[in-house]
Amino acid sequence: MKLSKSILLAAVIGCVICVVLSVVAVAADEIAYARIDPYNRMALCLDSYHNIANWAFLLYDLVHLFVIAIFALALSETVSWEALLGGGVSMVATLSDMASVSVNVVFLTPGLQAMVLGSEPGLSAPEAGFDVITSTLDFAQASFGLVGTLFLGTAAIKAPGIAKFVGWFLLASLPIGILQFAEVGLRAPWTLIIDTWVTPVCEIIEQVLIGLVFLSMVRKRPHGVHPAGPAKSHKSRREELISSPEKTHKI
């Protein structure tokens, strides 16, 4: 599938938005953790910076879906099944992460806020129930993300140009995916470092590299060529002009 320049430019803008949202989320979380214990959910649910970080991560996942879909379609021009399989699995992982963050933002945080403020939270212990849901979604995100990264990285290595660097970076980041898989349901200092620093920084580098791939593809797209097919050459047009009087004369 030949992607148009407008779609590729939209994907570049998506990469820029993802980088900005990641930086905002990391900075907001660091400000919140500097004032409040990272494991004190009761206090964090009332902190505006922590809530901004959660919304930034949620919006990041939403834009990341579009970027991954376009990246997989772009790789499918040279490597078909590996790119499409890796892109599809990675999108499932992103949807799982989006669902996990949504549970925290929409259900868990308002429930904890109600408990802190003395209102009726709806559940006697909202944290315990939602922890099971988020742990399950985090497990799905880690497992699907590991498989998707493997196939996307393999497909990118086989592609020409700067996409090879993206492929090698994705394969080099597989140990981080394994750590994400191992940290599901755990609360320890090393898991906090992975969630707040290692994973976001790797995502920022990944988005920058993917954006460079899109820019290189935009530059290689010739002007006046549409995704549906190449324009007619001057030779074929000349032949049509020569043959058209003959057809008119026969008629």
C-alpha atoms as a PDB file:
ATOM      1  CA  MET A   1       0.000   0.000   0.000  1.00  0.00           C
ATOM      2  CA  LYS A   2       1.443   3.328  -1.162  1.00  0.00           C
ATOM      3  CA  LEU A   3       0.854   6.037   1.432  1.00  0.00           C
ATOM      4  CA  SER A   4       0.290   9.615   0.303  1.00  0.00           C
ATOM      5  CA  LYS A   5       2.435  12.520   1.444  1.00  0.00           C
ATOM      6  CA  SER A   6      -0.444  14.003   3.439  1.00  0.00           C
ATOM      7  CA  ILE A   7      -0.828  10.817   5.484  1.00  0.00           C
ATOM      8  CA  LEU A   8       2.921  10.640   6.087  1.00  0.00           C
ATOM      9  CA  LEU A   9       3.002  14.287   7.180  1.00  0.00           C
ATOM     10  CA  ALA A  10       0.069  13.643   9.517  1.00  0.00           C
ATOM     11  CA  ALA A  11       2.068  10.748  11.004  1.00  0.00           C
ATOM     12  CA  VAL A  12       5.059  13.075  11.506  1.00  0.00           C
ATOM     13  CA  ILE A  13       2.797  15.491  13.400  1.00  0.00           C
ATOM     14  CA  GLY A  14       1.546  12.529  15.438  1.00  0.00           C
ATOM     15  CA  CYS A  15       5.123  11.640  16.388  1.00  0.00           C
ATOM     16  CA  VAL A  16       5.757  15.224  17.521  1.00  0.00           C
ATOM     17  CA  ILE A  17       2.574  15.179  19.614  1.00  0.00           C
ATOM     18  CA  CYS A  18       3.619  11.873  21.203  1.00  0.00           C
ATOM     19  CA  VAL A  19       7.021  13.292  22.141  1.00  0.00           C
ATOM     20  CA  VAL A  20       5.437  16.403  23.685  1.00  0.00           C
ATOM     21  CA  LEU A  21       2.898  14.352  25.641  1.00  0.00           C
ATOM     22  CA  SER A  22       5.625  12.027  26.956  1.00  0.00           C
ATOM     23  CA  VAL A  23       7.733  14.966  28.129  1.00  0.00           C
ATOM     24  CA  VAL A  24       4.709  16.563  29.815  1.00  0.00           C
ATOM     25  CA  ALA A  25       3.796  13.278  31.541  1.00  0.00           C
ATOM     26  CA  VAL A  26       7.330  12.656  32.832  1.00  0.00           C
ATOM     27  CA  ALA A  27       7.736  16.235  34.061  1.00  0.00           C
ATOM     28  CA  ALA A  28       4.318  16.275  35.765  1.00  0.00           C
ATOM     29  CA  ASP A  29       4.962  12.952  37.491  1.00  0.00           C
ATOM     30  CA  GLU A  30       8.360  14.094  38.724  1.00  0.00           C
ATOM     31  CA  ILE A  31       6.831  17.255  40.202  1.00  0.00           C
ATOM     32  CA  ALA A  32       4.140  15.176  41.908  1.00  0.00           C
ATOM     33  CA  TYR A  33       6.600  12.592  43.266  1.00  0.00           C
ATOM     34  CA  ALA A  34       8.876  15.337  44.575  1.00  0.00           C
ATOM     35  CA  ARG A  35       6.088  16.476  46.887  1.00  0.00           C
ATOM     36  CA  ILE A  36       4.220  13.216  47.591  1.00  0.00           C
ATOM     37  CA  ASP A  37       5.251   9.633  48.241  1.00  0.00           C
ATOM     38  CA  PRO A  38       4.814   7.713  44.935  1.00  0.00           C
ATOM     39  CA  TYR A  39       3.072   4.869  46.784  1.00  0.00           C
ATOM     40  CA  ASN A  40       0.579   7.133  48.573  1.00  0.00           C
ATOM     41  CA  ARG A  41      -2.359   6.859  46.194  1.00  0.00           C
ATOM     42  CA  MET A  42      -4.709   8.708  48.516  1.00  0.00           C
ATOM     43  CA  ALA A  43      -2.583  11.854  48.308  1.00  0.00           C
ATOM     44  CA  LEU A  44      -1.691  11.419  44.627  1.00  0.00           C
ATOM     45  CA  CYS A  45      -5.334  11.264  43.559  1.00  0.00           C
ATOM     46  CA  LEU A  46      -5.741  14.869  44.772  1.00  0.00           C
ATOM     47  CA  ASP A  47      -2.550  16.121  43.122  1.00  0.00           C
ATOM     48  CA  SER A  48      -3.189  18.066  39.916  1.00  0.00           C
ATOM     49  CA  TYR A  49       0.241  17.282  38.428  1.00  0.00           C
ATOM     50  CA  HIS A  50      -0.281  13.540  38.801  1.00  0.00           C
ATOM     51  CA  ASN A  51      -3.686  13.820  37.148  1.00  0.00           C
ATOM     52  CA  ILE A  52      -2.146  15.809  34.289  1.00  0.00           C
ATOM     53  CA  ALA A  53       0.435  13.034  33.823  1.00  0.00           C
ATOM     54  CA  ASN A  54      -2.310  10.390  33.648  1.00  0.00           C
ATOM     55  CA  TRP A  55      -4.242  12.340  31.025  1.00  0.00           C
ATOM     56  CA  ALA A  56      -1.039  12.937  29.056  1.00  0.00           C
ATOM     57  CA  PHE A  57      -0.294   9.194  29.015  1.00  0.00           C
ATOM     58  CA  LEU A  58      -3.885   8.508  27.917  1.00  0.00           C
ATOM     59  CA  LEU A  59      -3.679  10.986  25.032  1.00  0.00           C
ATOM     60  CA  TYR A  60      -0.258   9.581  24.119  1.00  0.00           C
ATOM     61  CA  ASP A  61      -1.755   6.106  23.689  1.00  0.00           C
ATOM     62  CA  LEU A  62      -4.512   7.524  21.498  1.00  0.00           C
ATOM     63  CA  VAL A  63      -2.099   9.266  19.117  1.00  0.00           C
ATOM     64  CA  HIS A  64       0.347   6.348  19.300  1.00  0.00           C
ATOM     65  CA  LEU A  65      -2.319   4.074  17.799  1.00  0.00           C
ATOM     66  CA  PHE A  66      -2.352   6.198  14.644  1.00  0.00           C
ATOM     67  CA  VAL A  67       1.458   6.408  14.445  1.00  0.00           C
ATOM     68  CA  ILE A  68       1.940   2.645  14.814  1.00  0.00           C
ATOM     69  CA  ALA A  69      -0.745   1.914  12.213  1.00  0.00           C
ATOM     70  CA  ILE A  70       0.905   4.218   9.650  1.00  0.00           C
ATOM     71  CA  PHE A  71       4.371   2.873  10.477  1.00  0.00           C
ATOM     72  CA  ALA A  72       3.215  -0.709   9.934  1.00  0.00           C
ATOM     73  CA  LEU A  73       1.573   0.229   6.618  1.00  0.00           C
ATOM     74  CA  ALA A  74       4.729   2.061   5.547  1.00  0.00           C
ATOM     75  CA  LEU A  75       6.875  -0.984   6.330  1.00  0.00           C
ATOM     76  CA  SER A  76       4.412  -3.247   4.511  1.00  0.00           C
ATOM     77  CA  GLU A  77       5.508  -1.634   1.219  1.00  0.00           C
ATOM     78  CA  THR A  78       8.706  -3.723   1.439  1.00  0.00           C
ATOM     79  CA  VAL A  79       8.031  -6.291   4.195  1.00  0.00           C
ATOM     80  CA  SER A  80       4.389  -7.326   4.214  1.00  0.00           C
ATOM     81  CA  TRP A  81       3.329  -9.931   6.764  1.00  0.00           C
ATOM     82  CA  GLU A  82       5.854  -9.160   9.515  1.00  0.00           C
ATOM     83  CA  ALA A  83       5.034  -5.440   9.465  1.00  0.00           C
ATOM     84  CA  LEU A  84       1.270  -5.972   9.464  1.00  0.00           C
ATOM     85  CA  LEU A  85       1.435  -8.626  12.185  1.00  0.00           C
ATOM     86  CA  GLY A  86       3.750  -6.544  14.356  1.00  0.00           C
ATOM     87  CA  GLY A  87       1.650  -3.426  13.851  1.00  0.00           C
ATOM     88  CA  GLY A  88      -1.588  -5.232  14.704  1.00  0.00           C
ATOM     89  CA  VAL A  89      -0.178  -6.813  17.866  1.00  0.00           C
ATOM     90  CA  SER A  90       1.403  -3.511  18.934  1.00  0.00           C
ATOM     91  CA  MET A  91      -1.952  -1.775  18.500  1.00  0.00           C
ATOM     92  CA  VAL A  92      -3.575  -4.380  20.770  1.00  0.00           C
ATOM     93  CA  ALA A  93      -0.857  -3.665  23.356  1.00  0.00           C
ATOM     94  CA  THR A  94      -1.506   0.073  23.089  1.00  0.00           C
ATOM     95  CA  LEU A  95      -5.247  -0.486  23.495  1.00  0.00           C
ATOM     96  CA  SER A  96      -4.561  -2.545  26.635  1.00  0.00           C
ATOM     97  CA  ASP A  97      -2.381   0.208  28.071  1.00  0.00           C
ATOM     98  CA  MET A  98      -5.034   2.788  27.190  1.00  0.00           C
ATOM     99  CA  ALA A  99      -7.671   0.718  28.983  1.00  0.00           C
ATOM    100  CA  SER A 100      -5.448   0.412  32.062  1.00  0.00           C
ATOM    101  CA  VAL A 101      -4.816   4.164  32.221  1.00  0.00           C
ATOM    102  CA  SER A 102      -8.523   4.821  31.603  1.00  0.00           C
ATOM    103  CA  VAL A 103      -9.466   2.657  34.587  1.00  0.00           C
ATOM    104  CA  ASN A 104      -7.094   4.696  36.764  1.00  0.00           C
ATOM    105  CA  VAL A 105      -8.310   8.041  35.452  1.00  0.00           C
ATOM    106  CA  VAL A 106     -12.051   7.398  35.151  1.00  0.00           C
ATOM    107  CA  PHE A 107     -12.776   4.953  37.987  1.00  0.00           C
ATOM    108  CA  LEU A 108      -9.955   4.557  40.522  1.00  0.00           C
ATOM    109  CA  THR A 109      -8.950   8.208  40.968  1.00  0.00           C
ATOM    110  CA  PRO A 110     -12.528   9.522  41.483  1.00  0.00           C
ATOM    111  CA  GLY A 111     -13.203   6.678  43.934  1.00  0.00           C
ATOM    112  CA  LEU A 112     -10.113   7.486  45.990  1.00  0.00           C
ATOM    113  CA  GLN A 113     -10.927  11.192  45.866  1.00  0.00           C
ATOM    114  CA  ALA A 114     -14.389  10.449  47.232  1.00  0.00           C
ATOM    115  CA  MET A 115     -12.888   8.445  50.108  1.00  0.00           C
ATOM    116  CA  VAL A 116     -10.419  11.223  50.962  1.00  0.00           C
ATOM    117  CA  LEU A 117     -13.107  13.899  50.848  1.00  0.00           C
ATOM    118  CA  GLY A 118     -15.498  11.813  52.955  1.00  0.00           C
ATOM    119  CA  SER A 119     -18.021  11.116  50.200  1.00  0.00           C
ATOM    120  CA  GLU A 120     -19.506   7.783  49.178  1.00  0.00           C
ATOM    121  CA  PRO A 121     -16.972   6.121  46.830  1.00  0.00           C
ATOM    122  CA  GLY A 122     -19.439   3.547  45.445  1.00  0.00           C
ATOM    123  CA  LEU A 123     -17.216   0.649  46.567  1.00  0.00           C
ATOM    124  CA  SER A 124     -15.997  -0.094  50.072  1.00  0.00           C
ATOM    125  CA  ALA A 125     -12.453  -0.714  48.788  1.00  0.00           C
ATOM    126  CA  PRO A 126     -12.180   0.623  45.205  1.00  0.00           C
ATOM    127  CA  GLU A 127      -8.394   0.252  45.094  1.00  0.00           C
ATOM    128  CA  ALA A 128      -8.457  -3.527  45.590  1.00  0.00           C
ATOM    129  CA  GLY A 129     -10.963  -4.241  42.826  1.00  0.00           C
ATOM    130  CA  PHE A 130      -9.460  -1.953  40.220  1.00  0.00           C
ATOM    131  CA  ASP A 131      -5.939  -3.244  40.941  1.00  0.00           C
ATOM    132  CA  VAL A 132      -7.004  -6.650  39.612  1.00  0.00           C
ATOM    133  CA  ILE A 133      -8.342  -5.075  36.425  1.00  0.00           C
ATOM    134  CA  THR A 134      -5.299  -2.879  35.822  1.00  0.00           C
ATOM    135  CA  SER A 135      -2.892  -5.748  36.542  1.00  0.00           C
ATOM    136  CA  THR A 136      -4.655  -7.900  33.956  1.00  0.00           C
ATOM    137  CA  LEU A 137      -4.541  -5.107  31.382  1.00  0.00           C
ATOM    138  CA  ASP A 138      -0.881  -4.412  32.177  1.00  0.00           C
ATOM    139  CA  PHE A 139      -0.098  -8.093  31.652  1.00  0.00           C
ATOM    140  CA  ALA A 140      -1.832  -7.993  28.258  1.00  0.00           C
ATOM    141  CA  GLN A 141       0.019  -4.807  27.331  1.00  0.00           C
ATOM    142  CA  ALA A 142       3.410  -6.239  28.278  1.00  0.00           C
ATOM    143  CA  SER A 143       2.895  -9.572  26.497  1.00  0.00           C
ATOM    144  CA  PHE A 144       1.415  -8.157  23.289  1.00  0.00           C
ATOM    145  CA  GLY A 145       3.929  -5.308  23.323  1.00  0.00           C
ATOM    146  CA  LEU A 146       6.825  -7.752  23.504  1.00  0.00           C
ATOM    147  CA  VAL A 147       5.578  -9.752  20.509  1.00  0.00           C
ATOM    148  CA  GLY A 148       4.664  -6.637  18.521  1.00  0.00           C
ATOM    149  CA  THR A 149       8.063  -5.049  19.112  1.00  0.00           C
ATOM    150  CA  LEU A 150       9.795  -8.228  17.953  1.00  0.00           C
ATOM    151  CA  PHE A 151       7.913  -8.423  14.648  1.00  0.00           C
ATOM    152  CA  LEU A 152       8.035  -4.678  13.972  1.00  0.00           C
ATOM    153  CA  GLY A 153      11.758  -4.594  14.684  1.00  0.00           C
ATOM    154  CA  THR A 154      12.382  -7.560  12.378  1.00  0.00           C
ATOM    155  CA  ALA A 155      10.350  -5.933   9.607  1.00  0.00           C
ATOM    156  CA  ALA A 156      12.091  -2.568  10.038  1.00  0.00           C
ATOM    157  CA  ILE A 157      15.554  -4.158   9.793  1.00  0.00           C
ATOM    158  CA  LYS A 158      14.635  -5.603   6.393  1.00  0.00           C
ATOM    159  CA  ALA A 159      13.408  -2.218   5.153  1.00  0.00           C
ATOM    160  CA  PRO A 160      15.805   0.197   3.409  1.00  0.00           C
ATOM    161  CA  GLY A 161      17.109   3.484   4.732  1.00  0.00           C
ATOM    162  CA  ILE A 162      16.761   4.861   8.236  1.00  0.00           C
ATOM    163  CA  ALA A 163      14.087   2.300   9.071  1.00  0.00           C
ATOM    164  CA  LYS A 164      16.922  -0.150   9.788  1.00  0.00           C
ATOM    165  CA  PHE A 165      17.998   1.994  12.765  1.00  0.00           C
ATOM    166  CA  VAL A 166      14.431   1.900  14.074  1.00  0.00           C
ATOM    167  CA  GLY A 167      14.455  -1.880  13.763  1.00  0.00           C
ATOM    168  CA  TRP A 168      17.700  -2.260  15.672  1.00  0.00           C
ATOM    169  CA  PHE A 169      16.458   0.121  18.371  1.00  0.00           C
ATOM    170  CA  LEU A 170      13.212  -1.827  18.746  1.00  0.00           C
ATOM    171  CA  LEU A 171      15.089  -5.103  19.097  1.00  0.00           C
ATOM    172  CA  ALA A 172      17.523  -3.509  21.562  1.00  0.00           C
ATOM    173  CA  SER A 173      14.548  -2.382  23.691  1.00  0.00           C
ATOM    174  CA  LEU A 174      13.199  -5.935  24.065  1.00  0.00           C
ATOM    175  CA  PRO A 175      14.823  -6.347  27.534  1.00  0.00           C
ATOM    176  CA  ILE A 176      12.749  -3.379  28.713  1.00  0.00           C
ATOM    177  CA  GLY A 177       9.648  -5.201  27.501  1.00  0.00           C
ATOM    178  CA  ILE A 178      10.700  -8.235  29.501  1.00  0.00           C
ATOM    179  CA  LEU A 179      11.086  -6.059  32.610  1.00  0.00           C
ATOM    180  CA  GLN A 180       7.618  -4.621  32.009  1.00  0.00           C
ATOM    181  CA  PHE A 181       6.319  -8.169  31.819  1.00  0.00           C
ATOM    182  CA  ALA A 182       8.037  -9.064  35.109  1.00  0.00           C
ATOM    183  CA  GLU A 183       6.885  -5.977  37.016  1.00  0.00           C
ATOM    184  CA  VAL A 184       3.144  -6.540  36.541  1.00  0.00           C
ATOM    185  CA  GLY A 185       1.443  -6.245  39.936  1.00  0.00           C
ATOM    186  CA  LEU A 186       4.649  -5.256  41.755  1.00  0.00           C
ATOM    187  CA  ARG A 187       5.396  -2.040  43.628  1.00  0.00           C
ATOM    188  CA  ALA A 188       9.097  -1.536  44.172  1.00  0.00           C
ATOM    189  CA  PRO A 189      11.629   1.262  43.579  1.00  0.00           C
ATOM    190  CA  TRP A 190      12.947  -0.388  40.403  1.00  0.00           C
ATOM    191  CA  THR A 191       9.450  -0.690  38.920  1.00  0.00           C
ATOM    192  CA  LEU A 192       8.877   3.017  39.597  1.00  0.00           C
ATOM    193  CA  ILE A 193      12.081   3.875  37.707  1.00  0.00           C
ATOM    194  CA  ILE A 194      10.985   1.749  34.745  1.00  0.00           C
ATOM    195  CA  ASP A 195       7.498   3.285  34.648  1.00  0.00           C
ATOM    196  CA  THR A 196       8.496   6.927  35.126  1.00  0.00           C
ATOM    197  CA  TRP A 197      11.851   7.130  33.330  1.00  0.00           C
ATOM    198  CA  VAL A 198      13.049   4.136  31.321  1.00  0.00           C
ATOM    199  CA  THR A 199       9.856   3.397  29.400  1.00  0.00           C
ATOM    200  CA  PRO A 200       8.935   7.046  28.593  1.00  0.00           C
ATOM    201  CA  VAL A 201      12.487   7.882  27.458  1.00  0.00           C
ATOM    202  CA  CYS A 202      12.553   4.838  25.166  1.00  0.00           C
ATOM    203  CA  GLU A 203       9.161   5.849  23.775  1.00  0.00           C
ATOM    204  CA  ILE A 204      10.448   9.368  23.077  1.00  0.00           C
ATOM    205  CA  ILE A 205      13.482   8.024  21.197  1.00  0.00           C
ATOM    206  CA  GLU A 206      11.244   5.590  19.303  1.00  0.00           C
ATOM    207  CA  GLN A 207       8.852   8.359  18.231  1.00  0.00           C
ATOM    208  CA  VAL A 208      11.746  10.560  17.071  1.00  0.00           C
ATOM    209  CA  LEU A 209      13.204   7.754  14.952  1.00  0.00           C
ATOM    210  CA  ILE A 210       9.823   6.814  13.463  1.00  0.00           C
ATOM    211  CA  GLY A 211       9.207  10.482  12.651  1.00  0.00           C
ATOM    212  CA  LEU A 212      12.537  10.600  10.795  1.00  0.00           C
ATOM    213  CA  VAL A 213      11.465   7.539   8.794  1.00  0.00           C
ATOM    214  CA  PHE A 214       8.248   9.291   7.791  1.00  0.00           C
ATOM    215  CA  LEU A 215      10.172  12.431   6.787  1.00  0.00           C
ATOM    216  CA  SER A 216      12.566  10.404   4.639  1.00  0.00           C
ATOM    217  CA  MET A 217       9.600   8.760   2.912  1.00  0.00           C
ATOM    218  CA  VAL A 218       8.016  12.164   2.276  1.00  0.00           C
ATOM    219  CA  ARG A 219      11.200  13.370   0.602  1.00  0.00           C
ATOM    220  CA  LYS A 220      11.347  10.294  -1.610  1.00  0.00           C
ATOM    221  CA  ARG A 221       7.761  10.759  -2.817  1.00  0.00           C
ATOM    222  CA  PRO A 222       7.904  12.420  -6.264  1.00  0.00           C
ATOM    223  CA  HIS A 223       5.654  15.392  -6.897  1.00  0.00           C
ATOM    224  CA  GLY A 224       2.472  14.735  -8.814  1.00  0.00           C
ATOM    225  CA  VAL A 225       2.428  10.981  -8.086  1.00  0.00           C
ATOM    226  CA  HIS A 226      -0.706   9.727  -6.385  1.00  0.00           C
ATOM    227  CA  PRO A 227      -0.976   6.639  -4.177  1.00  0.00           C
ATOM    228  CA  ALA A 228      -3.381   4.990  -6.630  1.00  0.00           C
ATOM    229  CA  GLY A 229      -0.686   4.632  -9.256  1.00  0.00           C
ATOM    230  CA  PRO A 230       2.072   6.438 -11.194  1.00  0.00           C
ATOM    231  CA  ALA A 231       1.240   9.216 -13.593  1.00  0.00           C
ATOM    232  CA  LYS A 232       1.426   8.581 -17.297  1.00  0.00           C
ATOM    233  CA  SER A 233       4.768   9.233 -18.894  1.00  0.00           C
ATOM    234  CA  HIS A 234       5.348  11.866 -21.589  1.00  0.00           C
ATOM    235  CA  LYS A 235       5.932   9.132 -24.128  1.00  0.00           C
ATOM    236  CA  SER A 236       2.537   7.529 -23.583  1.00  0.00           C
ATOM    237  CA  ARG A 237       0.833  10.914 -23.796  1.00  0.00           C
ATOM    238  CA  ARG A 238       2.616  11.665 -27.048  1.00  0.00           C
ATOM    239  CA  GLU A 239       1.475   8.336 -28.483  1.00  0.00           C
ATOM    240  CA  GLU A 240      -2.108   9.121 -27.519  1.00  0.00           C
ATOM    241  CA  LEU A 241      -1.928  12.503 -29.238  1.00  0.00           C
ATOM    242  CA  ILE A 242      -0.522  10.913 -32.410  1.00  0.00           C
ATOM    243  CA  SER A 243      -3.092   8.117 -32.471  1.00  0.00           C
ATOM    244  CA  SER A 244      -6.097  10.333 -31.704  1.00  0.00           C
ATOM    245  CA  PRO A 245      -6.246  12.021 -35.211  1.00  0.00           C
ATOM    246  CA  GLU A 246      -6.108   8.610 -36.853  1.00  0.00           C
ATOM    247  CA  LYS A 247      -9.038   7.410 -34.786  1.00  0.00           C
ATOM    248  CA  THR A 248     -10.990  10.572 -35.651  1.00  0.00           C
ATOM    249  CA  HIS A 249     -10.228  10.154 -39.372  1.00  0.00           C
ATOM    250  CA  LYS A 250     -11.445   6.539 -39.319  1.00  0.00           C
ATOM    251  CA  ILE A 251     -14.686   7.608 -37.721  1.00  0.00           C
END
